[in-house]
């Protein structure tokens, strides 16, 4: 069954989406019901909601990324992403060995990891996995990290620390996804790695 959400985002990465994205960037600067409706009327077959989300996230991303203009990201993914500076510092510690970036989100860490060597991104959310793959130029797996095959020598794991329903951040180890036992198993199966906590 096709994933309409993923198809909508993929359509925004095509050259023909440029006029929509330009118009969405103008709307994102001052969103009103009338401006959103005008965008939808001007681009009736296009994913206007996702285009506005992308334009808004790119507009807010300059604090984390030097040039967010070509990144595929949404607001929640941006909020959870590692900044370019921190990701580069961490990636330098991995050497050149292949890395699995687990719970990759939009690929903040994966972009830096892919610059230093082979990187495969893994996320259960197909849109986030796709975004990370595009942003990092990395191989993509859309699956649960609890069941993914640890077939790279190194792993980078950024467990979810947020309740998906409420969006609230949690600081309790019991709330990590994957849970602490899964994290320990993953680290035991890899030759080395890092967990962002």
N, C-alpha and C. Protein backbone atom coordinates (compact mmCIF):
# COMPACT_ATOMS: atom_id res chain seq x y z
N UNK A 1 0.84 -1.19 0.00
CA UNK A 1 0.00 0.00 0.00
C UNK A 1 0.88 1.25 0.00
N UNK A 2 0.67 2.19 -0.90
CA UNK A 2 1.51 3.38 -0.97
C UNK A 2 1.35 4.26 0.27
N UNK A 3 2.43 4.89 0.65
CA UNK A 3 2.42 5.81 1.78
C UNK A 3 2.22 7.22 1.20
N UNK A 4 1.01 7.76 1.33
CA UNK A 4 0.70 9.08 0.74
C UNK A 4 1.54 10.18 1.35
N UNK A 5 1.81 10.06 2.64
CA UNK A 5 2.63 11.06 3.31
C UNK A 5 4.04 11.08 2.71
N UNK A 6 4.61 9.91 2.52
CA UNK A 6 5.94 9.82 1.93
C UNK A 6 5.92 10.31 0.48
N UNK A 7 4.90 9.93 -0.27
CA UNK A 7 4.79 10.39 -1.66
C UNK A 7 4.73 11.91 -1.73
N UNK A 8 3.99 12.53 -0.79
CA UNK A 8 3.89 13.99 -0.77
C UNK A 8 5.26 14.63 -0.56
N UNK A 9 6.01 14.10 0.40
CA UNK A 9 7.34 14.66 0.67
C UNK A 9 8.28 14.42 -0.49
N UNK A 10 8.22 13.25 -1.07
CA UNK A 10 9.11 12.96 -2.21
C UNK A 10 8.84 13.91 -3.37
N UNK A 11 7.59 14.28 -3.56
CA UNK A 11 7.26 15.19 -4.66
C UNK A 11 7.90 16.56 -4.47
N UNK A 12 8.17 16.94 -3.24
CA UNK A 12 8.79 18.24 -2.96
C UNK A 12 10.29 18.25 -3.28
N UNK A 13 10.86 17.09 -3.50
CA UNK A 13 12.29 16.98 -3.80
C UNK A 13 12.55 16.96 -5.31
N UNK A 14 11.51 17.17 -6.09
CA UNK A 14 11.64 17.17 -7.55
C UNK A 14 11.81 18.59 -8.06
N UNK A 15 12.53 18.77 -9.17
CA UNK A 15 12.75 20.13 -9.71
C UNK A 15 11.45 20.88 -9.98
N UNK A 16 10.40 20.17 -10.42
CA UNK A 16 9.14 20.85 -10.74
C UNK A 16 8.42 21.40 -9.51
N UNK A 17 8.90 21.06 -8.31
CA UNK A 17 8.30 21.59 -7.09
C UNK A 17 8.81 22.98 -6.74
N UNK A 18 9.80 23.49 -7.48
CA UNK A 18 10.42 24.79 -7.15
C UNK A 18 9.40 25.94 -7.05
N UNK A 19 8.46 26.09 -7.99
CA UNK A 19 7.49 27.20 -7.84
C UNK A 19 6.63 27.07 -6.58
N UNK A 20 6.21 25.85 -6.27
CA UNK A 20 5.42 25.61 -5.05
C UNK A 20 6.24 25.98 -3.82
N UNK A 21 7.49 25.54 -3.76
CA UNK A 21 8.33 25.82 -2.60
C UNK A 21 8.61 27.32 -2.45
N UNK A 22 8.77 28.00 -3.56
CA UNK A 22 8.97 29.45 -3.51
C UNK A 22 7.73 30.14 -2.93
N UNK A 23 6.56 29.73 -3.41
CA UNK A 23 5.31 30.30 -2.91
C UNK A 23 5.08 29.94 -1.44
N UNK A 24 5.43 28.71 -1.07
CA UNK A 24 5.26 28.27 0.32
C UNK A 24 6.17 29.05 1.26
N UNK A 25 7.38 29.40 0.79
CA UNK A 25 8.30 30.18 1.63
C UNK A 25 7.71 31.55 1.94
N UNK A 26 7.01 32.13 0.98
CA UNK A 26 6.36 33.41 1.20
C UNK A 26 5.23 33.28 2.22
N UNK A 27 4.47 32.19 2.12
CA UNK A 27 3.37 31.94 3.06
C UNK A 27 3.92 31.66 4.46
N UNK A 28 5.03 30.92 4.55
CA UNK A 28 5.59 30.53 5.85
C UNK A 28 6.00 31.73 6.68
N UNK A 29 6.29 32.86 6.04
CA UNK A 29 6.68 34.06 6.77
C UNK A 29 5.53 34.69 7.54
N UNK A 30 4.31 34.39 7.18
CA UNK A 30 3.14 34.94 7.86
C UNK A 30 1.91 34.13 7.53
N UNK A 31 1.82 32.95 8.10
CA UNK A 31 0.74 32.02 7.78
C UNK A 31 -0.60 32.54 8.27
N UNK A 32 -1.55 32.61 7.33
CA UNK A 32 -2.93 32.96 7.65
C UNK A 32 -3.82 31.97 6.91
N UNK A 33 -5.04 31.78 7.35
CA UNK A 33 -5.94 30.89 6.60
C UNK A 33 -6.08 31.31 5.14
N UNK A 34 -6.14 32.61 4.90
CA UNK A 34 -6.29 33.10 3.52
C UNK A 34 -5.06 32.78 2.68
N UNK A 35 -3.85 32.92 3.25
CA UNK A 35 -2.64 32.65 2.48
C UNK A 35 -2.49 31.16 2.18
N UNK A 36 -2.88 30.32 3.11
CA UNK A 36 -2.84 28.87 2.88
C UNK A 36 -3.85 28.49 1.80
N UNK A 37 -5.03 29.04 1.86
CA UNK A 37 -6.06 28.75 0.86
C UNK A 37 -5.62 29.22 -0.53
N UNK A 38 -4.98 30.37 -0.59
CA UNK A 38 -4.49 30.88 -1.88
C UNK A 38 -3.43 29.94 -2.45
N UNK A 39 -2.54 29.45 -1.59
CA UNK A 39 -1.51 28.50 -2.04
C UNK A 39 -2.15 27.24 -2.58
N UNK A 40 -3.16 26.73 -1.88
CA UNK A 40 -3.85 25.52 -2.33
C UNK A 40 -4.57 25.74 -3.66
N UNK A 41 -5.14 26.92 -3.84
CA UNK A 41 -5.81 27.22 -5.11
C UNK A 41 -4.80 27.35 -6.25
N UNK A 42 -3.65 27.93 -5.94
CA UNK A 42 -2.63 28.11 -6.97
C UNK A 42 -1.96 26.80 -7.38
N UNK A 43 -1.90 25.84 -6.44
CA UNK A 43 -1.25 24.54 -6.70
C UNK A 43 -2.21 23.43 -6.25
N UNK A 44 -3.31 23.24 -6.98
CA UNK A 44 -4.38 22.35 -6.51
C UNK A 44 -3.99 20.88 -6.38
N UNK A 45 -3.02 20.42 -7.15
CA UNK A 45 -2.63 19.01 -7.10
C UNK A 45 -1.40 18.77 -6.22
N UNK A 46 -0.88 19.82 -5.63
CA UNK A 46 0.39 19.73 -4.89
C UNK A 46 0.16 19.61 -3.39
N UNK A 47 1.14 19.07 -2.67
CA UNK A 47 1.04 18.94 -1.21
C UNK A 47 1.37 20.26 -0.51
N UNK A 48 0.41 21.16 -0.47
CA UNK A 48 0.63 22.50 0.09
C UNK A 48 1.01 22.45 1.57
N UNK A 49 0.36 21.60 2.33
CA UNK A 49 0.64 21.51 3.77
C UNK A 49 2.09 21.14 4.01
N UNK A 50 2.57 20.12 3.30
CA UNK A 50 3.96 19.69 3.46
C UNK A 50 4.93 20.75 2.96
N UNK A 51 4.56 21.45 1.89
CA UNK A 51 5.43 22.51 1.37
C UNK A 51 5.60 23.63 2.39
N UNK A 52 4.52 24.01 3.05
CA UNK A 52 4.60 25.05 4.09
C UNK A 52 5.43 24.54 5.27
N UNK A 53 5.23 23.27 5.64
CA UNK A 53 6.01 22.68 6.73
C UNK A 53 7.50 22.71 6.40
N UNK A 54 7.84 22.34 5.17
CA UNK A 54 9.24 22.35 4.74
C UNK A 54 9.81 23.77 4.74
N UNK A 55 9.07 24.70 4.19
CA UNK A 55 9.54 26.09 4.14
C UNK A 55 9.72 26.66 5.54
N UNK A 56 8.80 26.36 6.44
CA UNK A 56 8.90 26.84 7.82
C UNK A 56 10.13 26.26 8.50
N UNK A 57 10.35 24.94 8.35
CA UNK A 57 11.49 24.28 8.98
C UNK A 57 12.81 24.82 8.42
N UNK A 58 12.87 24.99 7.10
CA UNK A 58 14.10 25.55 6.52
C UNK A 58 14.37 26.95 7.06
N UNK A 59 13.32 27.72 7.24
CA UNK A 59 13.48 29.08 7.78
C UNK A 59 14.00 29.10 9.20
N UNK A 60 13.72 28.06 9.96
CA UNK A 60 14.16 27.99 11.36
C UNK A 60 15.47 27.24 11.55
N UNK A 61 15.98 26.62 10.49
CA UNK A 61 17.10 25.68 10.63
C UNK A 61 18.47 26.33 10.65
N UNK A 62 18.56 27.62 10.39
CA UNK A 62 19.88 28.25 10.27
C UNK A 62 20.68 28.21 11.57
N UNK A 63 20.03 28.03 12.70
CA UNK A 63 20.75 27.90 13.96
C UNK A 63 21.46 26.56 14.11
N UNK A 64 21.02 25.56 13.35
CA UNK A 64 21.63 24.24 13.44
C UNK A 64 22.46 23.87 12.22
N UNK A 65 22.08 24.41 11.05
CA UNK A 65 22.74 24.03 9.81
C UNK A 65 23.16 25.28 9.04
N UNK A 66 24.38 25.26 8.50
CA UNK A 66 24.91 26.43 7.79
C UNK A 66 24.07 26.78 6.58
N UNK A 67 23.64 25.78 5.82
CA UNK A 67 22.83 26.04 4.63
C UNK A 67 21.67 25.04 4.57
N UNK A 68 20.54 25.38 5.20
CA UNK A 68 19.41 24.45 5.22
C UNK A 68 18.56 24.49 3.95
N UNK A 69 18.92 25.32 2.98
CA UNK A 69 18.04 25.53 1.82
C UNK A 69 17.76 24.27 1.01
N UNK A 70 18.66 23.31 1.02
CA UNK A 70 18.43 22.08 0.26
C UNK A 70 18.02 20.90 1.09
N UNK A 71 17.87 21.09 2.40
CA UNK A 71 17.54 19.98 3.29
C UNK A 71 16.06 19.64 3.22
N UNK A 72 15.75 18.37 3.39
CA UNK A 72 14.38 17.89 3.53
C UNK A 72 14.15 17.68 5.03
N UNK A 73 13.25 18.47 5.61
CA UNK A 73 13.02 18.39 7.04
C UNK A 73 11.67 18.99 7.39
N UNK A 74 11.17 18.59 8.54
CA UNK A 74 9.95 19.18 9.08
C UNK A 74 10.29 19.77 10.44
N UNK A 75 9.33 20.47 11.03
CA UNK A 75 9.61 21.19 12.28
C UNK A 75 9.99 20.25 13.43
N UNK A 76 9.22 19.19 13.63
CA UNK A 76 9.54 18.27 14.73
C UNK A 76 10.89 17.60 14.50
N UNK A 77 11.17 17.21 13.27
CA UNK A 77 12.46 16.60 12.96
C UNK A 77 13.61 17.56 13.20
N UNK A 78 13.43 18.83 12.84
CA UNK A 78 14.45 19.84 13.08
C UNK A 78 14.70 20.01 14.58
N UNK A 79 13.64 20.07 15.35
CA UNK A 79 13.79 20.25 16.80
C UNK A 79 14.59 19.12 17.43
N UNK A 80 14.44 17.92 16.90
CA UNK A 80 15.12 16.75 17.48
C UNK A 80 16.51 16.52 16.89
N UNK A 81 16.84 17.20 15.81
CA UNK A 81 18.10 16.94 15.10
C UNK A 81 19.31 17.48 15.85
N UNK A 82 20.41 16.77 15.69
CA UNK A 82 21.69 17.23 16.21
C UNK A 82 22.21 18.35 15.32
N UNK A 83 22.79 19.37 15.92
CA UNK A 83 23.33 20.48 15.13
C UNK A 83 24.54 20.01 14.32
N UNK A 84 24.83 20.75 13.26
CA UNK A 84 25.94 20.43 12.37
C UNK A 84 27.27 20.38 13.12
N UNK A 85 27.50 21.32 14.02
CA UNK A 85 28.76 21.40 14.76
C UNK A 85 28.94 20.18 15.67
N UNK A 86 27.92 19.85 16.43
CA UNK A 86 28.00 18.70 17.35
C UNK A 86 28.13 17.40 16.56
N UNK A 87 27.36 17.27 15.48
CA UNK A 87 27.42 16.05 14.67
C UNK A 87 28.81 15.86 14.07
N UNK A 88 29.44 16.93 13.61
CA UNK A 88 30.78 16.83 13.03
C UNK A 88 31.80 16.39 14.09
N UNK A 89 31.66 16.93 15.30
CA UNK A 89 32.56 16.54 16.39
C UNK A 89 32.41 15.04 16.70
N UNK A 90 31.17 14.57 16.78
CA UNK A 90 30.94 13.15 17.07
C UNK A 90 31.45 12.27 15.93
N UNK A 91 31.14 12.65 14.69
CA UNK A 91 31.51 11.82 13.53
C UNK A 91 33.02 11.64 13.43
N UNK A 92 33.79 12.65 13.81
CA UNK A 92 35.25 12.56 13.74
C UNK A 92 35.79 11.45 14.63
N UNK A 93 35.03 11.08 15.62
CA UNK A 93 35.46 10.02 16.56
C UNK A 93 35.22 8.62 16.01
N UNK A 94 34.51 8.50 14.87
CA UNK A 94 34.15 7.20 14.32
C UNK A 94 35.17 6.64 13.33
N UNK A 95 36.15 7.42 12.90
CA UNK A 95 37.06 6.93 11.87
C UNK A 95 36.30 6.76 10.56
N UNK A 96 36.74 5.80 9.73
CA UNK A 96 36.13 5.63 8.40
C UNK A 96 35.31 4.36 8.25
N UNK A 97 35.14 3.60 9.32
CA UNK A 97 34.40 2.33 9.25
C UNK A 97 32.91 2.57 8.99
N UNK A 98 32.22 1.63 8.34
CA UNK A 98 30.78 1.76 8.10
C UNK A 98 29.99 1.90 9.40
N UNK A 99 28.98 2.77 9.37
CA UNK A 99 28.17 3.07 10.56
C UNK A 99 26.69 2.90 10.24
N UNK A 100 25.96 2.30 11.17
CA UNK A 100 24.49 2.32 11.16
C UNK A 100 24.07 3.49 12.03
N UNK A 101 23.31 4.43 11.47
CA UNK A 101 22.76 5.53 12.27
C UNK A 101 21.32 5.15 12.60
N UNK A 102 21.10 4.69 13.83
CA UNK A 102 19.81 4.18 14.28
C UNK A 102 18.98 5.29 14.89
N UNK A 103 17.68 5.29 14.61
CA UNK A 103 16.79 6.37 15.03
C UNK A 103 17.30 7.67 14.43
N UNK A 104 17.51 7.65 13.12
CA UNK A 104 18.24 8.72 12.43
C UNK A 104 17.49 10.03 12.33
N UNK A 105 16.16 10.03 12.45
CA UNK A 105 15.41 11.27 12.29
C UNK A 105 15.65 11.85 10.91
N UNK A 106 15.85 13.16 10.82
CA UNK A 106 16.07 13.81 9.52
C UNK A 106 17.52 13.69 9.05
N UNK A 107 18.39 13.12 9.89
CA UNK A 107 19.77 12.87 9.45
C UNK A 107 20.79 13.89 9.90
N UNK A 108 20.55 14.60 10.99
CA UNK A 108 21.53 15.56 11.49
C UNK A 108 22.89 14.92 11.74
N UNK A 109 22.90 13.77 12.39
CA UNK A 109 24.16 13.04 12.62
C UNK A 109 24.61 12.32 11.35
N UNK A 110 23.66 11.77 10.61
CA UNK A 110 24.00 11.00 9.41
C UNK A 110 24.75 11.83 8.38
N UNK A 111 24.41 13.11 8.26
CA UNK A 111 25.11 13.95 7.29
C UNK A 111 26.60 14.00 7.60
N UNK A 112 26.95 14.15 8.87
CA UNK A 112 28.36 14.18 9.27
C UNK A 112 28.98 12.79 9.18
N UNK A 113 28.25 11.76 9.58
CA UNK A 113 28.77 10.40 9.51
C UNK A 113 29.05 9.98 8.06
N UNK A 114 28.17 10.37 7.14
CA UNK A 114 28.34 9.99 5.73
C UNK A 114 29.52 10.72 5.09
N UNK A 115 29.87 11.87 5.59
CA UNK A 115 31.02 12.59 5.03
C UNK A 115 32.34 11.90 5.38
N UNK A 116 32.38 11.13 6.48
CA UNK A 116 33.63 10.49 6.89
C UNK A 116 33.73 9.03 6.48
N UNK A 117 32.63 8.43 5.97
CA UNK A 117 32.67 7.05 5.54
C UNK A 117 31.27 6.52 5.28
N UNK A 118 31.16 5.23 4.92
CA UNK A 118 29.84 4.66 4.61
C UNK A 118 28.87 4.75 5.80
N UNK A 119 27.62 5.09 5.49
CA UNK A 119 26.60 5.25 6.53
C UNK A 119 25.27 4.74 6.00
N UNK A 120 24.58 3.99 6.83
CA UNK A 120 23.21 3.54 6.53
C UNK A 120 22.32 4.10 7.62
N UNK A 121 21.21 4.73 7.22
CA UNK A 121 20.29 5.32 8.19
C UNK A 121 19.11 4.37 8.41
N UNK A 122 18.64 4.32 9.66
CA UNK A 122 17.54 3.44 10.03
C UNK A 122 16.55 4.21 10.89
N UNK A 123 15.28 4.19 10.48
CA UNK A 123 14.23 4.80 11.28
C UNK A 123 12.92 4.09 10.95
N UNK A 124 12.04 3.97 11.93
CA UNK A 124 10.76 3.30 11.69
C UNK A 124 9.78 4.18 10.93
N UNK A 125 9.99 5.50 10.96
CA UNK A 125 9.13 6.44 10.25
C UNK A 125 9.64 6.55 8.81
N UNK A 126 8.84 6.15 7.82
CA UNK A 126 9.33 6.17 6.44
C UNK A 126 9.69 7.56 5.93
N UNK A 127 8.98 8.59 6.38
CA UNK A 127 9.29 9.95 5.93
C UNK A 127 10.63 10.40 6.51
N UNK A 128 10.84 10.17 7.80
CA UNK A 128 12.11 10.57 8.43
C UNK A 128 13.27 9.77 7.85
N UNK A 129 13.10 8.48 7.64
CA UNK A 129 14.18 7.68 7.05
C UNK A 129 14.53 8.21 5.67
N UNK A 130 13.50 8.53 4.87
CA UNK A 130 13.73 9.07 3.54
C UNK A 130 14.44 10.42 3.63
N UNK A 131 13.98 11.31 4.54
CA UNK A 131 14.63 12.61 4.70
C UNK A 131 16.11 12.44 5.02
N UNK A 132 16.42 11.55 5.96
CA UNK A 132 17.82 11.33 6.34
C UNK A 132 18.63 10.81 5.15
N UNK A 133 18.04 9.89 4.39
CA UNK A 133 18.74 9.36 3.23
C UNK A 133 19.05 10.44 2.21
N UNK A 134 18.08 11.31 1.95
CA UNK A 134 18.28 12.42 1.01
C UNK A 134 19.31 13.40 1.56
N UNK A 135 19.16 13.80 2.80
CA UNK A 135 20.04 14.81 3.39
C UNK A 135 21.48 14.33 3.50
N UNK A 136 21.66 13.05 3.81
CA UNK A 136 23.01 12.51 4.02
C UNK A 136 23.56 11.80 2.78
N UNK A 137 22.72 11.53 1.80
CA UNK A 137 23.17 10.73 0.67
C UNK A 137 23.52 9.32 1.12
N UNK A 138 22.74 8.81 2.07
CA UNK A 138 23.03 7.52 2.69
C UNK A 138 22.03 6.45 2.27
N UNK A 139 22.41 5.20 2.44
CA UNK A 139 21.49 4.09 2.25
C UNK A 139 20.42 4.15 3.34
N UNK A 140 19.21 3.69 3.02
CA UNK A 140 18.07 3.83 3.93
C UNK A 140 17.45 2.48 4.25
N UNK A 141 17.12 2.30 5.52
CA UNK A 141 16.29 1.18 5.96
C UNK A 141 15.12 1.76 6.75
N UNK A 142 13.93 1.38 6.38
CA UNK A 142 12.74 1.80 7.12
C UNK A 142 12.28 0.61 7.93
N UNK A 143 12.67 0.58 9.18
CA UNK A 143 12.32 -0.52 10.07
C UNK A 143 12.61 -0.13 11.51
N UNK A 144 12.13 -0.94 12.41
CA UNK A 144 12.37 -0.73 13.83
C UNK A 144 13.82 -1.04 14.16
N UNK A 145 14.47 -0.17 14.91
CA UNK A 145 15.85 -0.44 15.28
C UNK A 145 15.97 -1.64 16.22
N UNK A 146 14.87 -1.97 16.90
CA UNK A 146 14.90 -3.14 17.79
C UNK A 146 15.09 -4.43 17.00
N UNK A 147 14.68 -4.44 15.74
CA UNK A 147 14.77 -5.66 14.94
C UNK A 147 15.75 -5.56 13.77
N UNK A 148 16.35 -4.40 13.56
CA UNK A 148 17.27 -4.26 12.42
C UNK A 148 18.51 -5.10 12.63
N UNK A 149 19.06 -5.59 11.54
CA UNK A 149 20.28 -6.39 11.58
C UNK A 149 21.46 -5.47 11.82
N UNK A 150 22.25 -5.76 12.84
CA UNK A 150 23.44 -4.96 13.13
C UNK A 150 24.57 -5.55 12.27
N UNK A 151 24.64 -5.07 11.04
CA UNK A 151 25.58 -5.62 10.06
C UNK A 151 26.67 -4.63 9.65
N UNK A 152 26.84 -3.57 10.43
CA UNK A 152 27.93 -2.62 10.26
C UNK A 152 28.78 -2.69 11.53
N UNK A 153 30.07 -2.44 11.44
CA UNK A 153 30.89 -2.55 12.64
C UNK A 153 30.53 -1.53 13.73
N UNK A 154 30.08 -0.34 13.31
CA UNK A 154 29.80 0.72 14.28
C UNK A 154 28.34 1.13 14.22
N UNK A 155 27.84 1.58 15.36
CA UNK A 155 26.47 2.11 15.43
C UNK A 155 26.47 3.46 16.11
N UNK A 156 25.57 4.31 15.65
CA UNK A 156 25.25 5.56 16.33
C UNK A 156 23.77 5.46 16.64
N UNK A 157 23.39 5.66 17.88
CA UNK A 157 22.00 5.48 18.28
C UNK A 157 21.53 6.72 19.03
N UNK A 158 20.45 7.28 18.53
CA UNK A 158 19.84 8.46 19.16
C UNK A 158 18.41 8.09 19.54
N UNK A 159 18.24 7.45 20.71
CA UNK A 159 16.90 6.99 21.08
C UNK A 159 15.92 8.13 21.27
N UNK A 160 14.66 7.85 20.95
CA UNK A 160 13.60 8.85 21.15
C UNK A 160 13.45 9.11 22.64
N UNK A 161 13.36 10.37 22.96
CA UNK A 161 13.16 10.78 24.36
C UNK A 161 11.94 11.68 24.44
N UNK A 162 10.98 11.40 23.58
CA UNK A 162 9.83 12.27 23.46
C UNK A 162 8.58 11.40 23.30
N UNK A 163 7.54 11.78 23.99
CA UNK A 163 6.25 11.11 23.83
C UNK A 163 5.65 11.57 22.51
N UNK A 164 5.49 10.64 21.56
CA UNK A 164 5.00 10.99 20.22
C UNK A 164 3.60 11.62 20.28
N UNK A 165 2.78 11.18 21.21
CA UNK A 165 1.40 11.70 21.28
C UNK A 165 1.37 13.15 21.76
N UNK A 166 2.12 13.44 22.81
CA UNK A 166 2.07 14.80 23.38
C UNK A 166 3.19 15.69 22.86
N UNK A 167 4.26 15.09 22.37
CA UNK A 167 5.40 15.87 21.92
C UNK A 167 6.32 16.31 23.04
N UNK A 168 5.97 15.94 24.28
CA UNK A 168 6.77 16.34 25.43
C UNK A 168 8.03 15.49 25.55
N UNK A 169 9.13 16.14 25.93
CA UNK A 169 10.39 15.45 26.13
C UNK A 169 10.37 14.74 27.48
N UNK A 170 11.02 13.58 27.52
CA UNK A 170 11.14 12.84 28.77
C UNK A 170 12.61 12.70 29.13
N UNK A 171 12.91 12.75 30.39
CA UNK A 171 14.30 12.59 30.85
C UNK A 171 14.49 11.26 31.58
N UNK A 172 13.48 10.40 31.56
CA UNK A 172 13.55 9.13 32.28
C UNK A 172 14.09 8.03 31.37
N UNK A 173 15.04 7.24 31.87
CA UNK A 173 15.59 6.13 31.10
C UNK A 173 14.51 5.13 30.70
N UNK A 174 13.50 4.98 31.56
CA UNK A 174 12.42 4.02 31.29
C UNK A 174 11.61 4.40 30.05
N UNK A 175 11.68 5.67 29.64
CA UNK A 175 10.88 6.15 28.51
C UNK A 175 11.63 6.12 27.17
N UNK A 176 12.88 5.69 27.18
CA UNK A 176 13.65 5.64 25.93
C UNK A 176 13.02 4.66 24.94
N UNK A 177 13.07 5.01 23.66
CA UNK A 177 12.65 4.12 22.58
C UNK A 177 13.78 4.12 21.56
N UNK A 178 14.50 2.98 21.40
CA UNK A 178 14.26 1.69 22.03
C UNK A 178 14.62 1.71 23.52
N UNK A 179 14.14 0.69 24.22
CA UNK A 179 14.38 0.65 25.66
C UNK A 179 15.83 0.30 25.97
N UNK A 180 16.20 0.43 27.23
CA UNK A 180 17.58 0.25 27.67
C UNK A 180 18.10 -1.15 27.34
N UNK A 181 17.27 -2.18 27.49
CA UNK A 181 17.71 -3.54 27.16
C UNK A 181 18.04 -3.67 25.68
N UNK A 182 17.22 -3.07 24.82
CA UNK A 182 17.49 -3.11 23.37
C UNK A 182 18.77 -2.34 23.04
N UNK A 183 18.98 -1.21 23.70
CA UNK A 183 20.20 -0.43 23.47
C UNK A 183 21.43 -1.26 23.84
N UNK A 184 21.38 -1.93 24.99
CA UNK A 184 22.50 -2.77 25.42
C UNK A 184 22.76 -3.89 24.41
N UNK A 185 21.68 -4.53 23.93
CA UNK A 185 21.84 -5.62 22.95
C UNK A 185 22.49 -5.10 21.67
N UNK A 186 22.02 -3.96 21.18
CA UNK A 186 22.58 -3.38 19.95
C UNK A 186 24.06 -3.09 20.13
N UNK A 187 24.44 -2.48 21.24
CA UNK A 187 25.85 -2.17 21.48
C UNK A 187 26.69 -3.43 21.61
N UNK A 188 26.13 -4.49 22.18
CA UNK A 188 26.86 -5.76 22.30
C UNK A 188 27.07 -6.42 20.95
N UNK A 189 26.15 -6.20 20.00
CA UNK A 189 26.27 -6.80 18.67
C UNK A 189 27.22 -6.03 17.76
N UNK A 190 27.48 -4.78 18.07
CA UNK A 190 28.37 -3.95 17.25
C UNK A 190 29.78 -4.00 17.81
N UNK A 191 30.75 -3.65 16.96
CA UNK A 191 32.14 -3.58 17.42
C UNK A 191 32.36 -2.34 18.29
N UNK A 192 31.58 -1.31 18.02
CA UNK A 192 31.72 -0.07 18.77
C UNK A 192 30.57 0.87 18.40
N UNK A 193 30.47 1.95 19.12
CA UNK A 193 29.40 2.87 18.80
C UNK A 193 29.22 3.95 19.84
N UNK A 194 28.18 4.75 19.63
CA UNK A 194 27.86 5.83 20.54
C UNK A 194 26.35 5.92 20.68
N UNK A 195 25.91 6.27 21.87
CA UNK A 195 24.48 6.49 22.14
C UNK A 195 24.33 7.91 22.64
N UNK A 196 23.42 8.65 22.02
CA UNK A 196 23.16 10.04 22.42
C UNK A 196 22.13 10.05 23.54
N UNK A 197 22.56 10.41 24.72
CA UNK A 197 21.66 10.47 25.87
C UNK A 197 21.85 11.80 26.58
